[in-house]
Amino acid sequence: MQGTTVLFIFSLIKIVLGCSPLVTHDQTTYCRAAYVFTGKVQRSNTMGFQSDFQIRVTSNVKGKIASKGREITVYGKGDMHPCGFTSLRINKEYILFVSIDEASAAKKIKIIDYQEMSQTTLNSMRNYDCSCVIEINLPQQSTPYTDIAARNKCVITEKEHDCTFKNGYCSRKHSRFGTRVCQWIPGVTNC
């Protein structure tokens, strides 16, 4: 009985810690996604651990998922998923960050992340440089050691994690030595 109780408590800890939101930047999500596109939700269906959505593509932002105006099916988390479900409202337009599930026979399009459509966000994405990595190093979320060279990343500390963070980006800029290094460019926002 005690062994079962301990196992149950460890399972709960895993679920709670596994679902904790980490500080990330849209550029990281954008670069990890196979495709980024905008689309309007036509239909949705949620059952158990999975949701599926019929989306009319309005534009391709990264890669070409489908032609403009074409409807595609994308999959998200269902209402029984332990970390919450994907909630897209019908007739609402979203920016969708997706990957292709190569393990499924149908090669399902899976939602990594999404946000309501915003022209400001789309404009910011034009600056994203996927050859640069954004590492978050905050007191509540320290970065594990990586072997990524300093010239290939931007490290976000408390100094950079302010009201300009969301609209900032990490991009290669020329240094005085002629090499291109990744630099954090803060967003233009009145704090």
Protein backbone atom coordinates (compact mmCIF):
# COMPACT_ATOMS: atom_id res chain seq x y z
CA MET A 1 0.00 0.00 0.00
CA GLN A 2 2.82 2.44 0.88
CA GLY A 3 4.59 1.65 -2.40
CA THR A 4 1.42 2.46 -4.33
CA THR A 5 1.03 5.78 -2.47
CA VAL A 6 4.64 6.78 -3.19
CA LEU A 7 4.27 5.84 -6.86
CA PHE A 8 1.05 7.89 -7.08
CA ILE A 9 2.75 10.95 -5.51
CA PHE A 10 5.69 10.70 -7.95
CA SER A 11 3.20 10.45 -10.84
CA LEU A 12 1.48 13.63 -9.66
CA ILE A 13 4.82 15.45 -9.32
CA LYS A 14 5.73 14.39 -12.87
CA ILE A 15 2.41 15.66 -14.23
CA VAL A 16 2.62 18.96 -12.34
CA LEU A 17 6.26 19.67 -13.19
CA GLY A 18 5.88 18.40 -16.77
CA CYS A 19 3.09 20.92 -17.39
CA SER A 20 4.78 23.91 -15.77
CA PRO A 21 5.01 26.78 -18.24
CA LEU A 22 8.57 27.64 -19.18
CA VAL A 23 9.61 31.07 -20.37
CA THR A 24 10.14 30.81 -24.11
CA HIS A 25 10.22 33.23 -27.00
CA ASP A 26 8.12 33.06 -30.18
CA GLN A 27 11.35 32.89 -32.19
CA THR A 28 12.26 29.57 -30.53
CA THR A 29 8.81 28.17 -31.27
CA TYR A 30 8.96 29.52 -34.83
CA CYS A 31 12.35 27.93 -35.48
CA ARG A 32 11.35 24.55 -34.04
CA ALA A 33 8.13 24.40 -36.10
CA ALA A 34 8.16 22.69 -39.48
CA TYR A 35 5.54 25.17 -40.69
CA VAL A 36 4.00 28.42 -39.48
CA PHE A 37 0.81 29.66 -41.09
CA THR A 38 -2.28 31.72 -40.41
CA GLY A 39 -5.71 30.19 -40.66
CA LYS A 40 -9.34 30.57 -39.72
CA VAL A 41 -11.03 27.78 -37.75
CA GLN A 42 -13.97 26.27 -39.66
CA ARG A 43 -14.83 23.29 -37.44
CA SER A 44 -13.53 21.64 -34.29
CA ASN A 45 -13.97 18.33 -32.54
CA THR A 46 -12.57 17.41 -29.12
CA MET A 47 -12.66 13.87 -27.78
CA GLY A 48 -10.48 12.50 -25.03
CA PHE A 49 -6.79 13.21 -25.43
CA GLN A 50 -7.01 14.72 -28.92
CA SER A 51 -8.73 17.61 -30.70
CA ASP A 52 -8.97 18.04 -34.43
CA PHE A 53 -9.65 21.29 -36.26
CA GLN A 54 -10.57 22.09 -39.83
CA ILE A 55 -8.58 25.23 -40.69
CA ARG A 56 -8.85 27.41 -43.82
CA VAL A 57 -5.30 28.59 -44.61
CA THR A 58 -5.09 32.38 -45.00
CA SER A 59 -1.29 32.68 -45.44
CA ASN A 60 1.93 30.68 -45.25
CA VAL A 61 4.54 32.29 -43.00
CA LYS A 62 7.26 29.57 -42.79
CA GLY A 63 7.19 26.88 -45.45
CA LYS A 64 4.06 26.07 -47.45
CA ILE A 65 1.60 23.93 -45.56
CA ALA A 66 -1.15 24.41 -48.18
CA SER A 67 -2.42 26.90 -50.73
CA LYS A 68 -4.28 29.97 -49.50
CA GLY A 69 -7.99 29.17 -49.12
CA ARG A 70 -7.48 25.40 -48.80
CA GLU A 71 -8.88 23.64 -45.74
CA ILE A 72 -6.62 21.29 -43.81
CA THR A 73 -7.03 19.22 -40.64
CA VAL A 74 -4.69 19.91 -37.73
CA TYR A 75 -4.54 18.09 -34.39
CA GLY A 76 -4.13 19.41 -30.86
CA LYS A 77 -4.55 18.27 -27.27
CA GLY A 78 -7.96 17.03 -26.17
CA ASP A 79 -9.95 17.98 -23.07
CA MET A 80 -8.62 14.97 -21.14
CA HIS A 81 -4.95 15.85 -21.76
CA PRO A 82 -3.20 16.32 -18.37
CA CYS A 83 -1.54 19.60 -19.44
CA GLY A 84 -4.68 21.28 -20.76
CA PHE A 85 -6.30 21.23 -24.17
CA THR A 86 -5.92 23.16 -27.43
CA SER A 87 -8.68 25.74 -27.47
CA LEU A 88 -9.34 27.26 -30.90
CA ARG A 89 -12.61 29.12 -31.46
CA ILE A 90 -14.63 28.70 -34.66
CA ASN A 91 -14.44 31.69 -37.07
CA LYS A 92 -11.37 33.04 -35.27
CA GLU A 93 -8.03 33.50 -37.07
CA TYR A 94 -4.82 32.19 -35.50
CA ILE A 95 -1.11 31.95 -36.14
CA LEU A 96 -0.34 28.23 -35.92
CA PHE A 97 3.08 26.66 -35.30
CA VAL A 98 2.92 23.02 -36.42
CA SER A 99 4.98 19.90 -36.98
CA ILE A 100 4.31 16.77 -39.00
CA ASP A 101 3.87 13.55 -37.03
CA GLU A 102 6.07 11.25 -39.14
CA ALA A 103 5.17 8.27 -36.92
CA SER A 104 1.50 8.34 -37.93
CA ALA A 105 0.53 6.66 -41.19
CA ALA A 106 -1.45 9.75 -42.21
CA LYS A 107 1.41 12.14 -41.28
CA LYS A 108 -0.85 14.23 -39.07
CA ILE A 109 -0.25 17.97 -38.74
CA LYS A 110 0.19 18.60 -34.99
CA ILE A 111 -0.09 21.97 -33.28
CA ILE A 112 3.04 22.89 -31.31
CA ASP A 113 1.71 26.31 -30.32
CA TYR A 114 -0.77 28.90 -31.46
CA GLN A 115 -1.82 32.47 -30.79
CA GLU A 116 -4.50 34.82 -31.98
CA MET A 117 -3.74 36.48 -35.29
CA SER A 118 -1.71 39.69 -34.89
CA GLN A 119 -0.10 41.66 -37.71
CA THR A 120 2.48 42.95 -35.20
CA THR A 121 3.55 39.38 -34.39
CA LEU A 122 3.71 38.46 -38.08
CA ASN A 123 5.88 41.52 -38.77
CA SER A 124 8.22 40.51 -35.90
CA MET A 125 8.65 37.05 -37.42
CA ARG A 126 10.35 38.61 -40.46
CA ASN A 127 13.34 39.37 -38.19
CA TYR A 128 13.71 35.85 -36.77
CA ASP A 129 17.06 34.23 -37.52
CA CYS A 130 16.89 30.48 -36.98
CA SER A 131 20.70 30.20 -37.08
CA CYS A 132 20.64 31.90 -33.66
CA VAL A 133 19.46 30.11 -30.51
CA ILE A 134 17.71 31.89 -27.64
CA GLU A 135 18.67 30.54 -24.20
CA ILE A 136 16.68 31.61 -21.17
CA ASN A 137 18.71 32.04 -17.96
CA LEU A 138 16.42 33.45 -15.27
CA PRO A 139 16.47 32.72 -11.52
CA GLN A 140 13.29 30.64 -11.83
CA GLN A 141 14.53 28.87 -14.98
CA SER A 142 18.25 28.40 -15.32
CA THR A 143 19.70 27.21 -18.61
CA PRO A 144 21.40 23.83 -18.58
CA TYR A 145 24.92 23.84 -19.97
CA THR A 146 25.00 23.72 -23.76
CA ASP A 147 27.94 23.56 -26.11
CA ILE A 148 26.49 26.22 -28.42
CA ALA A 149 29.15 28.84 -29.09
CA ALA A 150 28.45 32.31 -27.68
CA ARG A 151 28.45 33.80 -31.19
CA ASN A 152 25.52 31.51 -32.12
CA LYS A 153 23.13 32.39 -29.30
CA CYS A 154 21.49 35.11 -27.25
CA VAL A 155 21.27 34.47 -23.52
CA ILE A 156 18.24 36.11 -21.91
CA THR A 157 18.82 37.20 -18.32
CA GLU A 158 16.71 39.40 -16.05
CA LYS A 159 18.19 42.42 -17.84
CA GLU A 160 16.66 41.40 -21.21
CA HIS A 161 13.51 39.82 -19.77
CA ASP A 162 11.47 43.00 -19.50
CA CYS A 163 8.49 44.47 -21.33
CA THR A 164 10.49 44.54 -24.61
CA PHE A 165 11.19 40.77 -24.52
CA LYS A 166 8.13 39.59 -26.46
CA ASN A 167 8.80 41.96 -29.37
CA GLY A 168 12.58 41.47 -29.38
CA TYR A 169 14.52 38.93 -31.40
CA CYS A 170 17.93 37.29 -31.75
CA SER A 171 19.70 37.90 -35.04
CA ARG A 172 23.16 37.95 -36.57
CA LYS A 173 24.76 41.36 -36.80
CA HIS A 174 28.24 42.31 -38.00
CA SER A 175 30.77 42.80 -35.25
CA ARG A 176 33.71 45.19 -35.43
CA PHE A 177 35.88 42.17 -36.29
CA GLY A 178 33.77 41.40 -39.38
CA THR A 179 32.25 38.17 -38.04
CA ARG A 180 28.53 37.80 -37.75
CA VAL A 181 27.45 37.12 -34.19
CA CYS A 182 23.99 36.64 -32.72
CA GLN A 183 22.78 39.67 -30.79
CA TRP A 184 19.62 40.36 -28.84
CA ILE A 185 17.63 43.19 -30.42
CA PRO A 186 15.05 44.48 -27.90
CA GLY A 187 11.57 45.22 -29.16
CA VAL A 188 10.44 48.80 -29.57
CA THR A 189 7.98 49.11 -26.70
CA ASN A 190 7.35 51.84 -24.14
CA CYS A 191 7.82 50.18 -20.77
